[in-house]
Amino acid sequence: RTVPQGHIDYRRVAQQMFKEIDKVHPNL
């Protein structure tokens, strides 16, 4: 859902999901 051709709405949500996971599990 973050591939370039994705809809801007869900790309931003998927990007935020990654950032949230990265905060709590930076190694995983």
PDB file of all heavy atoms in Angstrom:
ATOM      1  N   ARG A   1       0.798  -1.222   0.000  1.00  0.00           N
ATOM      2  CA  ARG A   1       0.000   0.000   0.000  1.00  0.00           C
ATOM      3  C   ARG A   1       0.835   1.279   0.000  1.00  0.00           C
ATOM      4  O   ARG A   1       0.272   2.377   0.037  1.00  0.00           O
ATOM      5  CB  ARG A   1      -0.951  -0.012   1.201  1.00  0.00           C
ATOM      6  CG  ARG A   1      -2.028  -1.084   1.117  1.00  0.00           C
ATOM      7  CD  ARG A   1      -2.820  -0.968  -0.162  1.00  0.00           C
ATOM      8  NE  ARG A   1      -3.824  -2.028  -0.302  1.00  0.00           N
ATOM      9  CZ  ARG A   1      -4.556  -2.220  -1.389  1.00  0.00           C
ATOM     10  NH1 ARG A   1      -4.386  -1.447  -2.442  1.00  0.00           N
ATOM     11  NH2 ARG A   1      -5.433  -3.196  -1.446  1.00  0.00           N
ATOM     12  N   THR A   2       2.157   1.160  -0.037  1.00  0.00           N
ATOM     13  CA  THR A   2       2.986   2.361  -0.202  1.00  0.00           C
ATOM     14  C   THR A   2       3.670   2.395  -1.573  1.00  0.00           C
ATOM     15  O   THR A   2       4.514   3.267  -1.814  1.00  0.00           O
ATOM     16  CB  THR A   2       4.062   2.475   0.900  1.00  0.00           C
ATOM     17  OG1 THR A   2       4.894   1.306   0.880  1.00  0.00           O
ATOM     18  CG2 THR A   2       3.434   2.642   2.270  1.00  0.00           C
ATOM     19  N   VAL A   3       3.309   1.474  -2.476  1.00  0.00           N
ATOM     20  CA  VAL A   3       3.898   1.528  -3.819  1.00  0.00           C
ATOM     21  C   VAL A   3       3.478   2.833  -4.486  1.00  0.00           C
ATOM     22  O   VAL A   3       2.415   3.395  -4.181  1.00  0.00           O
ATOM     23  CB  VAL A   3       3.461   0.315  -4.679  1.00  0.00           C
ATOM     24  CG1 VAL A   3       4.019  -0.981  -4.115  1.00  0.00           C
ATOM     25  CG2 VAL A   3       1.948   0.239  -4.805  1.00  0.00           C
ATOM     26  N   PRO A   4       4.302   3.363  -5.394  1.00  0.00           N
ATOM     27  CA  PRO A   4       4.039   4.687  -5.988  1.00  0.00           C
ATOM     28  C   PRO A   4       2.659   4.838  -6.616  1.00  0.00           C
ATOM     29  O   PRO A   4       2.079   5.924  -6.562  1.00  0.00           O
ATOM     30  CB  PRO A   4       5.138   4.813  -7.051  1.00  0.00           C
ATOM     31  CG  PRO A   4       6.255   3.971  -6.532  1.00  0.00           C
ATOM     32  CD  PRO A   4       5.586   2.810  -5.856  1.00  0.00           C
ATOM     33  N   GLN A   5       2.126   3.755  -7.218  1.00  0.00           N
ATOM     34  CA  GLN A   5       0.843   3.876  -7.915  1.00  0.00           C
ATOM     35  C   GLN A   5      -0.363   3.826  -6.981  1.00  0.00           C
ATOM     36  O   GLN A   5      -1.500   3.940  -7.422  1.00  0.00           O
ATOM     37  CB  GLN A   5       0.704   2.784  -8.982  1.00  0.00           C
ATOM     38  CG  GLN A   5       0.693   1.359  -8.460  1.00  0.00           C
ATOM     39  CD  GLN A   5       2.075   0.723  -8.492  1.00  0.00           C
ATOM     40  OE1 GLN A   5       3.069   1.398  -8.274  1.00  0.00           O
ATOM     41  NE2 GLN A   5       2.134  -0.569  -8.768  1.00  0.00           N
ATOM     42  N   GLY A   6      -0.133   3.686  -5.680  1.00  0.00           N
ATOM     43  CA  GLY A   6      -1.239   3.609  -4.734  1.00  0.00           C
ATOM     44  C   GLY A   6      -1.951   4.944  -4.555  1.00  0.00           C
ATOM     45  O   GLY A   6      -1.368   6.015  -4.750  1.00  0.00           O
ATOM     46  N   HIS A   7      -3.222   4.881  -4.158  1.00  0.00           N
ATOM     47  CA  HIS A   7      -4.005   6.087  -3.876  1.00  0.00           C
ATOM     48  C   HIS A   7      -3.343   6.846  -2.729  1.00  0.00           C
ATOM     49  O   HIS A   7      -2.898   6.254  -1.747  1.00  0.00           O
ATOM     50  CB  HIS A   7      -5.431   5.689  -3.494  1.00  0.00           C
ATOM     51  CG  HIS A   7      -6.387   6.837  -3.440  1.00  0.00           C
ATOM     52  ND1 HIS A   7      -6.325   7.810  -2.456  1.00  0.00           N
ATOM     53  CD2 HIS A   7      -7.440   7.177  -4.227  1.00  0.00           C
ATOM     54  CE1 HIS A   7      -7.296   8.690  -2.646  1.00  0.00           C
ATOM     55  NE2 HIS A   7      -7.977   8.328  -3.722  1.00  0.00           N
ATOM     56  N   ILE A   8      -3.285   8.143  -2.862  1.00  0.00           N
ATOM     57  CA  ILE A   8      -2.578   8.971  -1.884  1.00  0.00           C
ATOM     58  C   ILE A   8      -3.119   8.784  -0.465  1.00  0.00           C
ATOM     59  O   ILE A   8      -2.366   8.837   0.514  1.00  0.00           O
ATOM     60  CB  ILE A   8      -2.624  10.469  -2.292  1.00  0.00           C
ATOM     61  CG1 ILE A   8      -1.686  11.286  -1.401  1.00  0.00           C
ATOM     62  CG2 ILE A   8      -4.063  11.006  -2.266  1.00  0.00           C
ATOM     63  CD1 ILE A   8      -1.506  12.711  -1.873  1.00  0.00           C
ATOM     64  N   ASP A   9      -4.432   8.546  -0.336  1.00  0.00           N
ATOM     65  CA  ASP A   9      -5.025   8.389   0.998  1.00  0.00           C
ATOM     66  C   ASP A   9      -4.469   7.172   1.718  1.00  0.00           C
ATOM     67  O   ASP A   9      -4.011   7.266   2.863  1.00  0.00           O
ATOM     68  CB  ASP A   9      -6.550   8.277   0.891  1.00  0.00           C
ATOM     69  CG  ASP A   9      -7.212   9.597   0.564  1.00  0.00           C
ATOM     70  OD1 ASP A   9      -6.519  10.634   0.635  1.00  0.00           O
ATOM     71  OD2 ASP A   9      -8.417   9.601   0.226  1.00  0.00           O
ATOM     72  N   TYR A  10      -4.529   6.011   1.056  1.00  0.00           N
ATOM     73  CA  TYR A  10      -4.067   4.831   1.785  1.00  0.00           C
ATOM     74  C   TYR A  10      -2.539   4.741   1.829  1.00  0.00           C
ATOM     75  O   TYR A  10      -1.976   4.123   2.727  1.00  0.00           O
ATOM     76  CB  TYR A  10      -4.708   3.544   1.272  1.00  0.00           C
ATOM     77  CG  TYR A  10      -4.366   3.060  -0.123  1.00  0.00           C
ATOM     78  CD1 TYR A  10      -3.082   2.674  -0.476  1.00  0.00           C
ATOM     79  CD2 TYR A  10      -5.378   2.884  -1.073  1.00  0.00           C
ATOM     80  CE1 TYR A  10      -2.782   2.180  -1.728  1.00  0.00           C
ATOM     81  CE2 TYR A  10      -5.103   2.384  -2.336  1.00  0.00           C
ATOM     82  CZ  TYR A  10      -3.800   2.029  -2.658  1.00  0.00           C
ATOM     83  OH  TYR A  10      -3.512   1.523  -3.905  1.00  0.00           O
ATOM     84  N   ARG A  11      -1.842   5.410   0.885  1.00  0.00           N
ATOM     85  CA  ARG A  11      -0.384   5.432   0.962  1.00  0.00           C
ATOM     86  C   ARG A  11       0.051   6.130   2.257  1.00  0.00           C
ATOM     87  O   ARG A  11       0.947   5.656   2.959  1.00  0.00           O
ATOM     88  CB  ARG A  11       0.220   6.178  -0.235  1.00  0.00           C
ATOM     89  CG  ARG A  11       0.150   5.404  -1.547  1.00  0.00           C
ATOM     90  CD  ARG A  11       1.004   6.038  -2.638  1.00  0.00           C
ATOM     91  NE  ARG A  11       2.403   5.726  -2.438  1.00  0.00           N
ATOM     92  CZ  ARG A  11       3.334   6.579  -2.050  1.00  0.00           C
ATOM     93  NH1 ARG A  11       3.006   7.853  -1.818  1.00  0.00           N
ATOM     94  NH2 ARG A  11       4.578   6.211  -1.883  1.00  0.00           N
ATOM     95  N   ARG A  12      -0.609   7.241   2.571  1.00  0.00           N
ATOM     96  CA  ARG A  12      -0.224   7.990   3.772  1.00  0.00           C
ATOM     97  C   ARG A  12      -0.547   7.221   5.048  1.00  0.00           C
ATOM     98  O   ARG A  12       0.221   7.267   6.022  1.00  0.00           O
ATOM     99  CB  ARG A  12      -0.921   9.353   3.760  1.00  0.00           C
ATOM    100  CG  ARG A  12      -0.301  10.319   2.751  1.00  0.00           C
ATOM    101  CD  ARG A  12      -1.079  11.598   2.619  1.00  0.00           C
ATOM    102  NE  ARG A  12      -0.407  12.541   1.714  1.00  0.00           N
ATOM    103  CZ  ARG A  12      -0.965  13.637   1.233  1.00  0.00           C
ATOM    104  NH1 ARG A  12      -2.213  13.946   1.569  1.00  0.00           N
ATOM    105  NH2 ARG A  12      -0.296  14.422   0.418  1.00  0.00           N
ATOM    106  N   VAL A  13      -1.647   6.502   5.058  1.00  0.00           N
ATOM    107  CA  VAL A  13      -2.001   5.706   6.238  1.00  0.00           C
ATOM    108  C   VAL A  13      -1.011   4.559   6.403  1.00  0.00           C
ATOM    109  O   VAL A  13      -0.543   4.281   7.515  1.00  0.00           O
ATOM    110  CB  VAL A  13      -3.450   5.183   6.135  1.00  0.00           C
ATOM    111  CG1 VAL A  13      -3.747   4.190   7.262  1.00  0.00           C
ATOM    112  CG2 VAL A  13      -4.437   6.341   6.189  1.00  0.00           C
ATOM    113  N   ALA A  14      -0.685   3.877   5.309  1.00  0.00           N
ATOM    114  CA  ALA A  14       0.278   2.780   5.385  1.00  0.00           C
ATOM    115  C   ALA A  14       1.658   3.287   5.816  1.00  0.00           C
ATOM    116  O   ALA A  14       2.360   2.632   6.593  1.00  0.00           O
ATOM    117  CB  ALA A  14       0.363   2.074   4.035  1.00  0.00           C
ATOM    118  N   GLN A  15       2.043   4.456   5.327  1.00  0.00           N
ATOM    119  CA  GLN A  15       3.315   5.055   5.745  1.00  0.00           C
ATOM    120  C   GLN A  15       3.305   5.336   7.247  1.00  0.00           C
ATOM    121  O   GLN A  15       4.299   5.098   7.948  1.00  0.00           O
ATOM    122  CB  GLN A  15       3.569   6.347   4.964  1.00  0.00           C
ATOM    123  CG  GLN A  15       3.921   6.122   3.499  1.00  0.00           C
ATOM    124  CD  GLN A  15       3.887   7.401   2.678  1.00  0.00           C
ATOM    125  OE1 GLN A  15       3.370   8.427   3.123  1.00  0.00           O
ATOM    126  NE2 GLN A  15       4.420   7.353   1.469  1.00  0.00           N
ATOM    127  N   GLN A  16       2.173   5.855   7.756  1.00  0.00           N
ATOM    128  CA  GLN A  16       2.068   6.144   9.180  1.00  0.00           C
ATOM    129  C   GLN A  16       2.101   4.858  10.002  1.00  0.00           C
ATOM    130  O   GLN A  16       2.685   4.829  11.091  1.00  0.00           O
ATOM    131  CB  GLN A  16       0.777   6.924   9.468  1.00  0.00           C
ATOM    132  CG  GLN A  16       0.628   7.375  10.910  1.00  0.00           C
ATOM    133  CD  GLN A  16       1.759   8.280  11.376  1.00  0.00           C
ATOM    134  OE1 GLN A  16       2.282   9.086  10.604  1.00  0.00           O
ATOM    135  NE2 GLN A  16       2.156   8.153  12.633  1.00  0.00           N
ATOM    136  N   MET A  17       1.494   3.792   9.475  1.00  0.00           N
ATOM    137  CA  MET A  17       1.552   2.498  10.158  1.00  0.00           C
ATOM    138  C   MET A  17       3.001   2.051  10.341  1.00  0.00           C
ATOM    139  O   MET A  17       3.401   1.591  11.417  1.00  0.00           O
ATOM    140  CB  MET A  17       0.794   1.437   9.357  1.00  0.00           C
ATOM    141  CG  MET A  17      -0.706   1.500   9.474  1.00  0.00           C
ATOM    142  SD  MET A  17      -1.449   0.170   8.490  1.00  0.00           S
ATOM    143  CE  MET A  17      -3.146   0.229   9.103  1.00  0.00           C
ATOM    144  N   PHE A  18       3.778   2.191   9.275  1.00  0.00           N
ATOM    145  CA  PHE A  18       5.189   1.814   9.370  1.00  0.00           C
ATOM    146  C   PHE A  18       5.905   2.646  10.430  1.00  0.00           C
ATOM    147  O   PHE A  18       6.677   2.108  11.241  1.00  0.00           O
ATOM    148  CB  PHE A  18       5.880   1.998   8.019  1.00  0.00           C
ATOM    149  CG  PHE A  18       7.371   1.810   8.096  1.00  0.00           C
ATOM    150  CD1 PHE A  18       7.917   0.545   8.206  1.00  0.00           C
ATOM    151  CD2 PHE A  18       8.228   2.908   8.095  1.00  0.00           C
ATOM    152  CE1 PHE A  18       9.294   0.374   8.303  1.00  0.00           C
ATOM    153  CE2 PHE A  18       9.595   2.744   8.194  1.00  0.00           C
ATOM    154  CZ  PHE A  18      10.134   1.472   8.294  1.00  0.00           C
ATOM    155  N   LYS A  19       5.662   3.942  10.441  1.00  0.00           N
ATOM    156  CA  LYS A  19       6.320   4.823  11.403  1.00  0.00           C
ATOM    157  C   LYS A  19       5.935   4.457  12.842  1.00  0.00           C
ATOM    158  O   LYS A  19       6.776   4.513  13.747  1.00  0.00           O
ATOM    159  CB  LYS A  19       5.969   6.281  11.108  1.00  0.00           C
ATOM    160  CG  LYS A  19       6.564   6.788   9.789  1.00  0.00           C
ATOM    161  CD  LYS A  19       6.054   8.186   9.444  1.00  0.00           C
ATOM    162  CE  LYS A  19       6.592   8.656   8.093  1.00  0.00           C
ATOM    163  NZ  LYS A  19       6.044   9.980   7.698  1.00  0.00           N
ATOM    164  N   GLU A  20       4.671   4.085  13.040  1.00  0.00           N
ATOM    165  CA  GLU A  20       4.211   3.697  14.376  1.00  0.00           C
ATOM    166  C   GLU A  20       4.902   2.411  14.837  1.00  0.00           C
ATOM    167  O   GLU A  20       5.311   2.296  15.992  1.00  0.00           O
ATOM    168  CB  GLU A  20       2.689   3.496  14.354  1.00  0.00           C
ATOM    169  CG  GLU A  20       1.881   4.759  14.165  1.00  0.00           C
ATOM    170  CD  GLU A  20       1.706   5.540  15.456  1.00  0.00           C
ATOM    171  OE1 GLU A  20       1.147   4.984  16.416  1.00  0.00           O
ATOM    172  OE2 GLU A  20       2.137   6.703  15.511  1.00  0.00           O
ATOM    173  N   ILE A  21       5.023   1.439  13.936  1.00  0.00           N
ATOM    174  CA  ILE A  21       5.695   0.184  14.277  1.00  0.00           C
ATOM    175  C   ILE A  21       7.182   0.429  14.518  1.00  0.00           C
ATOM    176  O   ILE A  21       7.786  -0.123  15.443  1.00  0.00           O
ATOM    177  CB  ILE A  21       5.487  -0.861  13.166  1.00  0.00           C
ATOM    178  CG1 ILE A  21       4.018  -1.291  13.110  1.00  0.00           C
ATOM    179  CG2 ILE A  21       6.373  -2.091  13.387  1.00  0.00           C
ATOM    180  CD1 ILE A  21       3.670  -2.204  11.956  1.00  0.00           C
ATOM    181  N   ASP A  22       7.768   1.296  13.691  1.00  0.00           N
ATOM    182  CA  ASP A  22       9.193   1.600  13.812  1.00  0.00           C
ATOM    183  C   ASP A  22       9.520   2.246  15.162  1.00  0.00           C
ATOM    184  O   ASP A  22      10.604   2.050  15.709  1.00  0.00           O
ATOM    185  CB  ASP A  22       9.604   2.524  12.663  1.00  0.00           C
ATOM    186  CG  ASP A  22      11.106   2.742  12.598  1.00  0.00           C
ATOM    187  OD1 ASP A  22      11.849   1.743  12.603  1.00  0.00           O
ATOM    188  OD2 ASP A  22      11.535   3.913  12.555  1.00  0.00           O
ATOM    189  N   LYS A  23       8.570   3.013  15.702  1.00  0.00           N
ATOM    190  CA  LYS A  23       8.784   3.660  17.002  1.00  0.00           C
ATOM    191  C   LYS A  23       8.925   2.634  18.122  1.00  0.00           C
ATOM    192  O   LYS A  23       9.766   2.768  19.012  1.00  0.00           O
ATOM    193  CB  LYS A  23       7.615   4.597  17.335  1.00  0.00           C
ATOM    194  CG  LYS A  23       7.602   5.899  16.567  1.00  0.00           C
ATOM    195  CD  LYS A  23       6.378   6.709  16.987  1.00  0.00           C
ATOM    196  CE  LYS A  23       6.213   7.963  16.141  1.00  0.00           C
ATOM    197  NZ  LYS A  23       4.970   8.695  16.500  1.00  0.00           N
ATOM    198  N   VAL A  24       8.081   1.619  18.093  1.00  0.00           N
ATOM    199  CA  VAL A  24       8.047   0.660  19.213  1.00  0.00           C
ATOM    200  C   VAL A  24       8.910  -0.567  18.962  1.00  0.00           C
ATOM    201  O   VAL A  24       9.360  -1.223  19.902  1.00  0.00           O
ATOM    202  CB  VAL A  24       6.596   0.231  19.530  1.00  0.00           C
ATOM    203  CG1 VAL A  24       5.773   1.433  19.950  1.00  0.00           C
ATOM    204  CG2 VAL A  24       5.932  -0.471  18.349  1.00  0.00           C
ATOM    205  N   HIS A  25       9.147  -0.890  17.689  1.00  0.00           N
ATOM    206  CA  HIS A  25       9.968  -2.049  17.323  1.00  0.00           C
ATOM    207  C   HIS A  25      11.010  -1.633  16.270  1.00  0.00           C
ATOM    208  O   HIS A  25      10.955  -2.092  15.125  1.00  0.00           O
ATOM    209  CB  HIS A  25       9.095  -3.187  16.772  1.00  0.00           C
ATOM    210  CG  HIS A  25       8.239  -3.856  17.796  1.00  0.00           C
ATOM    211  ND1 HIS A  25       7.265  -4.785  17.470  1.00  0.00           N
ATOM    212  CD2 HIS A  25       8.206  -3.758  19.151  1.00  0.00           C
ATOM    213  CE1 HIS A  25       6.673  -5.217  18.570  1.00  0.00           C
ATOM    214  NE2 HIS A  25       7.229  -4.602  19.601  1.00  0.00           N
ATOM    215  N   PRO A  26      11.959  -0.791  16.633  1.00  0.00           N
ATOM    216  CA  PRO A  26      12.929  -0.271  15.654  1.00  0.00           C
ATOM    217  C   PRO A  26      13.809  -1.331  15.014  1.00  0.00           C
ATOM    218  O   PRO A  26      14.299  -1.135  13.901  1.00  0.00           O
ATOM    219  CB  PRO A  26      13.757   0.734  16.473  1.00  0.00           C
ATOM    220  CG  PRO A  26      13.586   0.299  17.891  1.00  0.00           C
ATOM    221  CD  PRO A  26      12.194  -0.236  17.985  1.00  0.00           C
ATOM    222  N   ASN A  27      14.014  -2.445  15.694  1.00  0.00           N
ATOM    223  CA  ASN A  27      14.834  -3.514  15.117  1.00  0.00           C
ATOM    224  C   ASN A  27      14.008  -4.442  14.231  1.00  0.00           C
ATOM    225  O   ASN A  27      14.437  -4.821  13.141  1.00  0.00           O
ATOM    226  CB  ASN A  27      15.509  -4.317  16.234  1.00  0.00           C
ATOM    227  CG  ASN A  27      16.522  -3.483  16.996  1.00  0.00           C
ATOM    228  OD1 ASN A  27      17.502  -3.001  16.440  1.00  0.00           O
ATOM    229  ND2 ASN A  27      16.266  -3.285  18.286  1.00  0.00           N
ATOM    230  N   LEU A  28      12.808  -4.774  14.670  1.00  0.00           N
ATOM    231  CA  LEU A  28      11.946  -5.649  13.874  1.00  0.00           C
ATOM    232  C   LEU A  28      11.414  -4.944  12.625  1.00  0.00           C
ATOM    233  O   LEU A  28      11.188  -5.579  11.594  1.00  0.00           O
ATOM    234  CB  LEU A  28      10.764  -6.142  14.712  1.00  0.00           C
ATOM    235  CG  LEU A  28      11.076  -7.224  15.751  1.00  0.00           C
ATOM    236  CD1 LEU A  28       9.825  -7.564  16.550  1.00  0.00           C
ATOM    237  CD2 LEU A  28      11.624  -8.475  15.080  1.00  0.00           C
TER     238      LEU A  28
END
